[in-house]
Amino acid sequence: MIHNAIYGSLERFIGILLEHTNGRLPTWLAPIQIQVLNLTDRNVDYAQKIIRKIGEEIPNARIDADFRQVPLPGKIKEAEIMRVPYIVVVGDKEEKEKTLALRVRGNSKIETIKIDSFIEKVKKEIAERV
């Protein structure tokens, strides 16, 4: 027989955690850690390459992709509403330079970063449970 009392405590704990962090869970705990967005259909293959590389380097990374035919600001807004820690945007410039445009949660500034540097940054943040 399974007792349901323990589930109530877990639900309360999760509720308190979400309330305390305002839904901005740390990267290691976030349901979606990285959201990859494409600028155009031309960039889907490159975006999938980035997803594969991150998945190989960080096996348990929770990555989501949004390749819909929706304007980019709408995709970014949705990712912000979901409180995703890292929003990765891929366009022609990033594909040509083998980089990615990174937007960190809580910061509207977008920085261009090498893929390996980004992977190391996320690995470190997850390992240290920052």
N, C-alpha and C. Protein backbone atom coordinates (compact mmCIF):
# COMPACT_ATOMS: atom_id res chain seq x y z
N MET A 1 0.83 -1.17 0.00
CA MET A 1 0.00 0.00 0.00
C MET A 1 0.89 1.25 0.00
N ILE A 2 0.58 2.20 -0.86
CA ILE A 2 1.34 3.44 -0.95
C ILE A 2 0.58 4.53 -0.22
N HIS A 3 1.27 5.24 0.63
CA HIS A 3 0.64 6.33 1.38
C HIS A 3 0.74 7.63 0.58
N ASN A 4 -0.35 8.34 0.49
CA ASN A 4 -0.39 9.59 -0.27
C ASN A 4 0.11 10.79 0.53
N ALA A 5 0.32 10.64 1.82
CA ALA A 5 0.73 11.77 2.65
C ALA A 5 2.06 12.36 2.17
N ILE A 6 2.96 11.50 1.72
CA ILE A 6 4.27 11.99 1.28
C ILE A 6 4.15 12.86 0.03
N TYR A 7 3.19 12.57 -0.82
CA TYR A 7 3.01 13.38 -2.04
C TYR A 7 2.57 14.80 -1.71
N GLY A 8 1.77 14.95 -0.68
CA GLY A 8 1.33 16.28 -0.26
C GLY A 8 2.51 17.14 0.17
N SER A 9 3.46 16.54 0.90
CA SER A 9 4.64 17.31 1.32
C SER A 9 5.48 17.71 0.12
N LEU A 10 5.62 16.81 -0.84
CA LEU A 10 6.40 17.15 -2.04
C LEU A 10 5.72 18.27 -2.83
N GLU A 11 4.41 18.19 -2.94
CA GLU A 11 3.68 19.23 -3.66
C GLU A 11 3.85 20.58 -2.97
N ARG A 12 3.77 20.59 -1.65
CA ARG A 12 3.95 21.84 -0.92
C ARG A 12 5.36 22.38 -1.10
N PHE A 13 6.35 21.49 -1.05
CA PHE A 13 7.74 21.91 -1.23
C PHE A 13 7.95 22.52 -2.61
N ILE A 14 7.45 21.87 -3.64
CA ILE A 14 7.59 22.39 -5.01
C ILE A 14 6.87 23.72 -5.14
N GLY A 15 5.70 23.83 -4.55
CA GLY A 15 4.95 25.09 -4.58
C GLY A 15 5.72 26.22 -3.92
N ILE A 16 6.32 25.94 -2.77
CA ILE A 16 7.11 26.95 -2.05
C ILE A 16 8.33 27.33 -2.87
N LEU A 17 8.99 26.34 -3.46
CA LEU A 17 10.18 26.61 -4.28
C LEU A 17 9.83 27.50 -5.48
N LEU A 18 8.75 27.18 -6.16
CA LEU A 18 8.34 27.99 -7.31
C LEU A 18 7.95 29.40 -6.89
N GLU A 19 7.29 29.50 -5.75
CA GLU A 19 6.89 30.82 -5.26
C GLU A 19 8.12 31.64 -4.86
N HIS A 20 9.05 30.99 -4.20
CA HIS A 20 10.26 31.68 -3.73
C HIS A 20 11.14 32.16 -4.89
N THR A 21 11.25 31.36 -5.95
CA THR A 21 12.11 31.71 -7.09
C THR A 21 11.35 32.44 -8.18
N ASN A 22 10.05 32.64 -7.99
CA ASN A 22 9.20 33.28 -9.00
C ASN A 22 9.24 32.51 -10.32
N GLY A 23 9.39 31.19 -10.23
CA GLY A 23 9.42 30.35 -11.43
C GLY A 23 10.78 30.31 -12.11
N ARG A 24 11.73 31.09 -11.63
CA ARG A 24 13.07 31.12 -12.23
C ARG A 24 13.95 30.08 -11.54
N LEU A 25 13.72 28.84 -11.87
CA LEU A 25 14.47 27.76 -11.25
C LEU A 25 15.92 27.79 -11.72
N PRO A 26 16.85 27.34 -10.87
CA PRO A 26 18.24 27.28 -11.31
C PRO A 26 18.37 26.37 -12.52
N THR A 27 19.41 26.58 -13.31
CA THR A 27 19.58 25.82 -14.55
C THR A 27 19.51 24.32 -14.32
N TRP A 28 20.15 23.82 -13.27
CA TRP A 28 20.20 22.38 -13.04
C TRP A 28 18.82 21.80 -12.73
N LEU A 29 17.88 22.65 -12.31
CA LEU A 29 16.55 22.18 -11.92
C LEU A 29 15.47 22.55 -12.93
N ALA A 30 15.77 23.46 -13.84
CA ALA A 30 14.77 23.94 -14.80
C ALA A 30 14.29 22.81 -15.71
N PRO A 31 12.98 22.73 -15.98
CA PRO A 31 12.45 21.68 -16.86
C PRO A 31 13.02 21.78 -18.28
N ILE A 32 13.19 22.99 -18.78
CA ILE A 32 13.86 23.22 -20.06
C ILE A 32 15.06 24.10 -19.75
N GLN A 33 16.26 23.57 -19.98
CA GLN A 33 17.47 24.32 -19.67
C GLN A 33 17.90 25.22 -20.82
N ILE A 34 17.71 24.73 -22.04
CA ILE A 34 18.15 25.45 -23.23
C ILE A 34 17.04 25.40 -24.27
N GLN A 35 16.70 26.54 -24.81
CA GLN A 35 15.71 26.62 -25.90
C GLN A 35 16.47 27.09 -27.14
N VAL A 36 16.42 26.32 -28.22
CA VAL A 36 17.10 26.66 -29.47
C VAL A 36 16.06 27.16 -30.47
N LEU A 37 16.30 28.36 -30.99
CA LEU A 37 15.39 28.99 -31.95
C LEU A 37 16.12 29.24 -33.26
N ASN A 38 15.42 29.04 -34.37
CA ASN A 38 16.01 29.35 -35.67
C ASN A 38 15.44 30.66 -36.18
N LEU A 39 16.24 31.35 -36.98
CA LEU A 39 15.78 32.60 -37.57
C LEU A 39 14.97 32.33 -38.83
N THR A 40 15.48 31.41 -39.67
CA THR A 40 14.78 31.04 -40.91
C THR A 40 14.87 29.53 -41.09
N ASP A 41 14.16 29.02 -42.09
CA ASP A 41 14.22 27.58 -42.39
C ASP A 41 15.62 27.14 -42.81
N ARG A 42 16.40 28.05 -43.37
CA ARG A 42 17.76 27.71 -43.81
C ARG A 42 18.63 27.29 -42.63
N ASN A 43 18.28 27.71 -41.44
CA ASN A 43 19.13 27.49 -40.27
C ASN A 43 18.74 26.27 -39.43
N VAL A 44 17.73 25.54 -39.85
CA VAL A 44 17.26 24.40 -39.06
C VAL A 44 18.35 23.33 -38.93
N ASP A 45 19.04 23.00 -40.02
CA ASP A 45 20.08 21.97 -39.96
C ASP A 45 21.19 22.35 -38.98
N TYR A 46 21.62 23.60 -39.05
CA TYR A 46 22.67 24.07 -38.14
C TYR A 46 22.18 24.03 -36.69
N ALA A 47 20.95 24.42 -36.46
CA ALA A 47 20.38 24.39 -35.11
C ALA A 47 20.33 22.95 -34.59
N GLN A 48 19.96 22.01 -35.46
CA GLN A 48 19.93 20.60 -35.04
C GLN A 48 21.33 20.08 -34.74
N LYS A 49 22.33 20.57 -35.49
CA LYS A 49 23.72 20.20 -35.20
C LYS A 49 24.12 20.68 -33.81
N ILE A 50 23.73 21.91 -33.49
CA ILE A 50 24.04 22.46 -32.17
C ILE A 50 23.37 21.62 -31.08
N ILE A 51 22.12 21.26 -31.29
CA ILE A 51 21.39 20.44 -30.31
C ILE A 51 22.09 19.10 -30.11
N ARG A 52 22.51 18.47 -31.22
CA ARG A 52 23.22 17.18 -31.12
C ARG A 52 24.52 17.34 -30.34
N LYS A 53 25.27 18.39 -30.65
CA LYS A 53 26.56 18.60 -29.99
C LYS A 53 26.36 18.83 -28.49
N ILE A 54 25.40 19.65 -28.13
CA ILE A 54 25.13 19.89 -26.70
C ILE A 54 24.69 18.58 -26.04
N GLY A 55 23.84 17.81 -26.71
CA GLY A 55 23.37 16.53 -26.18
C GLY A 55 24.50 15.53 -25.97
N GLU A 56 25.50 15.56 -26.85
CA GLU A 56 26.65 14.66 -26.70
C GLU A 56 27.53 15.10 -25.53
N GLU A 57 27.74 16.40 -25.40
CA GLU A 57 28.63 16.93 -24.36
C GLU A 57 27.96 16.95 -22.98
N ILE A 58 26.67 17.21 -22.95
CA ILE A 58 25.91 17.24 -21.69
C ILE A 58 24.75 16.25 -21.85
N PRO A 59 25.00 14.97 -21.55
CA PRO A 59 24.02 13.92 -21.85
C PRO A 59 22.62 14.13 -21.27
N ASN A 60 22.50 14.70 -20.09
CA ASN A 60 21.18 14.86 -19.47
C ASN A 60 20.59 16.25 -19.66
N ALA A 61 21.14 17.01 -20.58
CA ALA A 61 20.63 18.37 -20.82
C ALA A 61 19.20 18.30 -21.35
N ARG A 62 18.38 19.18 -20.83
CA ARG A 62 16.99 19.26 -21.28
C ARG A 62 16.89 20.42 -22.28
N ILE A 63 16.85 20.04 -23.55
CA ILE A 63 16.89 21.01 -24.64
C ILE A 63 15.57 20.96 -25.40
N ASP A 64 15.06 22.12 -25.74
CA ASP A 64 13.85 22.21 -26.54
C ASP A 64 14.17 23.04 -27.77
N ALA A 65 13.52 22.74 -28.87
CA ALA A 65 13.73 23.48 -30.11
C ALA A 65 12.40 24.03 -30.60
N ASP A 66 12.44 25.21 -31.17
CA ASP A 66 11.25 25.83 -31.73
C ASP A 66 11.57 26.26 -33.15
N PHE A 67 11.18 25.44 -34.12
CA PHE A 67 11.47 25.72 -35.53
C PHE A 67 10.20 26.13 -36.28
N ARG A 68 9.21 26.61 -35.57
CA ARG A 68 7.96 27.02 -36.21
C ARG A 68 8.17 28.26 -37.08
N GLN A 69 7.23 28.47 -38.00
CA GLN A 69 7.22 29.65 -38.87
C GLN A 69 6.54 30.81 -38.14
N VAL A 70 7.15 31.25 -37.07
CA VAL A 70 6.63 32.33 -36.24
C VAL A 70 7.73 33.38 -36.15
N PRO A 71 7.39 34.66 -36.13
CA PRO A 71 8.44 35.69 -35.99
C PRO A 71 9.29 35.45 -34.74
N LEU A 72 10.58 35.71 -34.84
CA LEU A 72 11.52 35.45 -33.75
C LEU A 72 11.14 36.13 -32.43
N PRO A 73 10.71 37.40 -32.44
CA PRO A 73 10.34 38.00 -31.15
C PRO A 73 9.24 37.23 -30.41
N GLY A 74 8.33 36.62 -31.15
CA GLY A 74 7.28 35.80 -30.53
C GLY A 74 7.86 34.55 -29.87
N LYS A 75 8.82 33.92 -30.54
CA LYS A 75 9.46 32.73 -29.99
C LYS A 75 10.24 33.08 -28.71
N ILE A 76 10.95 34.21 -28.77
CA ILE A 76 11.73 34.64 -27.60
C ILE A 76 10.79 34.95 -26.44
N LYS A 77 9.70 35.61 -26.71
CA LYS A 77 8.72 35.96 -25.67
C LYS A 77 8.18 34.69 -25.00
N GLU A 78 7.85 33.67 -25.80
CA GLU A 78 7.34 32.42 -25.24
C GLU A 78 8.39 31.75 -24.34
N ALA A 79 9.65 31.75 -24.80
CA ALA A 79 10.72 31.15 -24.00
C ALA A 79 10.91 31.92 -22.69
N GLU A 80 10.77 33.24 -22.75
CA GLU A 80 10.89 34.05 -21.53
C GLU A 80 9.74 33.76 -20.56
N ILE A 81 8.55 33.59 -21.10
CA ILE A 81 7.39 33.27 -20.25
C ILE A 81 7.60 31.93 -19.55
N MET A 82 8.23 30.98 -20.25
CA MET A 82 8.51 29.66 -19.67
C MET A 82 9.72 29.68 -18.75
N ARG A 83 10.36 30.85 -18.62
CA ARG A 83 11.51 31.05 -17.73
C ARG A 83 12.69 30.14 -18.08
N VAL A 84 12.97 29.97 -19.38
CA VAL A 84 14.08 29.14 -19.84
C VAL A 84 15.39 29.88 -19.51
N PRO A 85 16.36 29.21 -18.85
CA PRO A 85 17.61 29.88 -18.49
C PRO A 85 18.43 30.37 -19.69
N TYR A 86 18.51 29.57 -20.75
CA TYR A 86 19.32 29.94 -21.91
C TYR A 86 18.50 29.85 -23.19
N ILE A 87 18.44 30.96 -23.92
CA ILE A 87 17.78 30.99 -25.22
C ILE A 87 18.87 31.14 -26.27
N VAL A 88 18.97 30.15 -27.15
CA VAL A 88 19.97 30.15 -28.21
C VAL A 88 19.27 30.46 -29.53
N VAL A 89 19.76 31.49 -30.22
CA VAL A 89 19.19 31.88 -31.50
C VAL A 89 20.23 31.63 -32.59
N VAL A 90 19.79 30.99 -33.67
CA VAL A 90 20.69 30.66 -34.77
C VAL A 90 20.17 31.29 -36.05
N GLY A 91 21.04 32.05 -36.70
CA GLY A 91 20.71 32.67 -37.98
C GLY A 91 21.83 32.45 -38.97
N ASP A 92 21.77 33.13 -40.10
CA ASP A 92 22.80 32.98 -41.13
C ASP A 92 24.18 33.38 -40.63
N LYS A 93 24.25 34.49 -39.89
CA LYS A 93 25.53 34.98 -39.38
C LYS A 93 26.17 33.95 -38.45
N GLU A 94 25.38 33.41 -37.54
CA GLU A 94 25.89 32.42 -36.59
C GLU A 94 26.34 31.15 -37.31
N GLU A 95 25.58 30.75 -38.32
CA GLU A 95 25.94 29.55 -39.07
C GLU A 95 27.26 29.75 -39.81
N LYS A 96 27.42 30.91 -40.40
CA LYS A 96 28.64 31.21 -41.16
C LYS A 96 29.86 31.25 -40.23
N GLU A 97 29.69 31.85 -39.05
CA GLU A 97 30.80 32.02 -38.11
C GLU A 97 30.94 30.84 -37.14
N LYS A 98 30.07 29.85 -37.24
CA LYS A 98 30.06 28.68 -36.35
C LYS A 98 29.96 29.11 -34.88
N THR A 99 29.03 30.02 -34.62
CA THR A 99 28.78 30.51 -33.26
C THR A 99 27.29 30.38 -32.97
N LEU A 100 26.86 30.97 -31.88
CA LEU A 100 25.43 31.06 -31.58
C LEU A 100 25.17 32.36 -30.85
N ALA A 101 23.97 32.86 -30.98
CA ALA A 101 23.55 34.06 -30.27
C ALA A 101 22.85 33.60 -29.00
N LEU A 102 23.33 34.08 -27.88
CA LEU A 102 22.86 33.60 -26.58
C LEU A 102 22.17 34.71 -25.81
N ARG A 103 21.01 34.39 -25.29
CA ARG A 103 20.28 35.31 -24.42
C ARG A 103 20.06 34.59 -23.10
N VAL A 104 20.61 35.15 -22.05
CA VAL A 104 20.51 34.55 -20.72
C VAL A 104 19.27 35.10 -20.02
N ARG A 105 18.57 34.25 -19.31
CA ARG A 105 17.35 34.65 -18.61
C ARG A 105 17.63 35.86 -17.71
N GLY A 106 16.73 36.84 -17.79
CA GLY A 106 16.86 38.03 -16.98
C GLY A 106 17.71 39.12 -17.61
N ASN A 107 18.26 38.85 -18.79
CA ASN A 107 19.12 39.82 -19.46
C ASN A 107 18.63 39.95 -20.90
N SER A 108 18.30 41.14 -21.32
CA SER A 108 17.78 41.31 -22.69
C SER A 108 18.90 41.40 -23.72
N LYS A 109 20.15 41.48 -23.25
CA LYS A 109 21.29 41.57 -24.16
C LYS A 109 21.58 40.20 -24.78
N ILE A 110 21.84 40.21 -26.08
CA ILE A 110 22.19 38.98 -26.77
C ILE A 110 23.68 39.02 -27.09
N GLU A 111 24.40 37.97 -26.69
CA GLU A 111 25.83 37.91 -26.96
C GLU A 111 26.13 36.78 -27.93
N THR A 112 27.16 36.98 -28.74
CA THR A 112 27.61 35.94 -29.66
C THR A 112 28.71 35.17 -28.96
N ILE A 113 28.60 33.85 -28.99
CA ILE A 113 29.54 33.00 -28.25
C ILE A 113 29.83 31.75 -29.06
N LYS A 114 31.03 31.21 -28.91
CA LYS A 114 31.40 29.94 -29.55
C LYS A 114 30.63 28.81 -28.88
N ILE A 115 30.33 27.79 -29.64
CA ILE A 115 29.53 26.66 -29.13
C ILE A 115 30.23 25.99 -27.95
N ASP A 116 31.54 25.74 -28.09
CA ASP A 116 32.28 25.06 -27.02
C ASP A 116 32.29 25.88 -25.73
N SER A 117 32.41 27.19 -25.85
CA SER A 117 32.38 28.07 -24.67
C SER A 117 31.02 27.99 -23.97
N PHE A 118 29.97 27.97 -24.77
CA PHE A 118 28.62 27.87 -24.21
C PHE A 118 28.44 26.54 -23.48
N ILE A 119 28.89 25.46 -24.10
CA ILE A 119 28.75 24.14 -23.49
C ILE A 119 29.49 24.09 -22.15
N GLU A 120 30.71 24.63 -22.11
CA GLU A 120 31.48 24.65 -20.86
C GLU A 120 30.77 25.47 -19.79
N LYS A 121 30.20 26.60 -20.19
CA LYS A 121 29.48 27.47 -19.25
C LYS A 121 28.30 26.72 -18.63
N VAL A 122 27.52 26.04 -19.45
CA VAL A 122 26.34 25.31 -18.96
C VAL A 122 26.77 24.12 -18.11
N LYS A 123 27.78 23.39 -18.56
CA LYS A 123 28.29 22.24 -17.79
C LYS A 123 28.70 22.68 -16.39
N LYS A 124 29.45 23.78 -16.33
CA LYS A 124 29.93 24.28 -15.04
C LYS A 124 28.77 24.69 -14.15
N GLU A 125 27.80 25.38 -14.72
CA GLU A 125 26.65 25.84 -13.94
C GLU A 125 25.84 24.67 -13.40
N ILE A 126 25.68 23.63 -14.21
CA ILE A 126 24.93 22.45 -13.76
C ILE A 126 25.71 21.69 -12.69
N ALA A 127 27.02 21.51 -12.91
CA ALA A 127 27.85 20.76 -11.97
C ALA A 127 27.93 21.46 -10.61
N GLU A 128 28.05 22.78 -10.63
CA GLU A 128 28.18 23.52 -9.38
C GLU A 128 26.83 23.84 -8.75
N ARG A 129 25.77 23.54 -9.48
CA ARG A 129 24.40 23.79 -9.02
C ARG A 129 24.23 25.23 -8.55
N VAL A 130 24.65 26.12 -9.43
CA VAL A 130 24.55 27.56 -9.15
C VAL A 130 23.12 28.00 -9.26
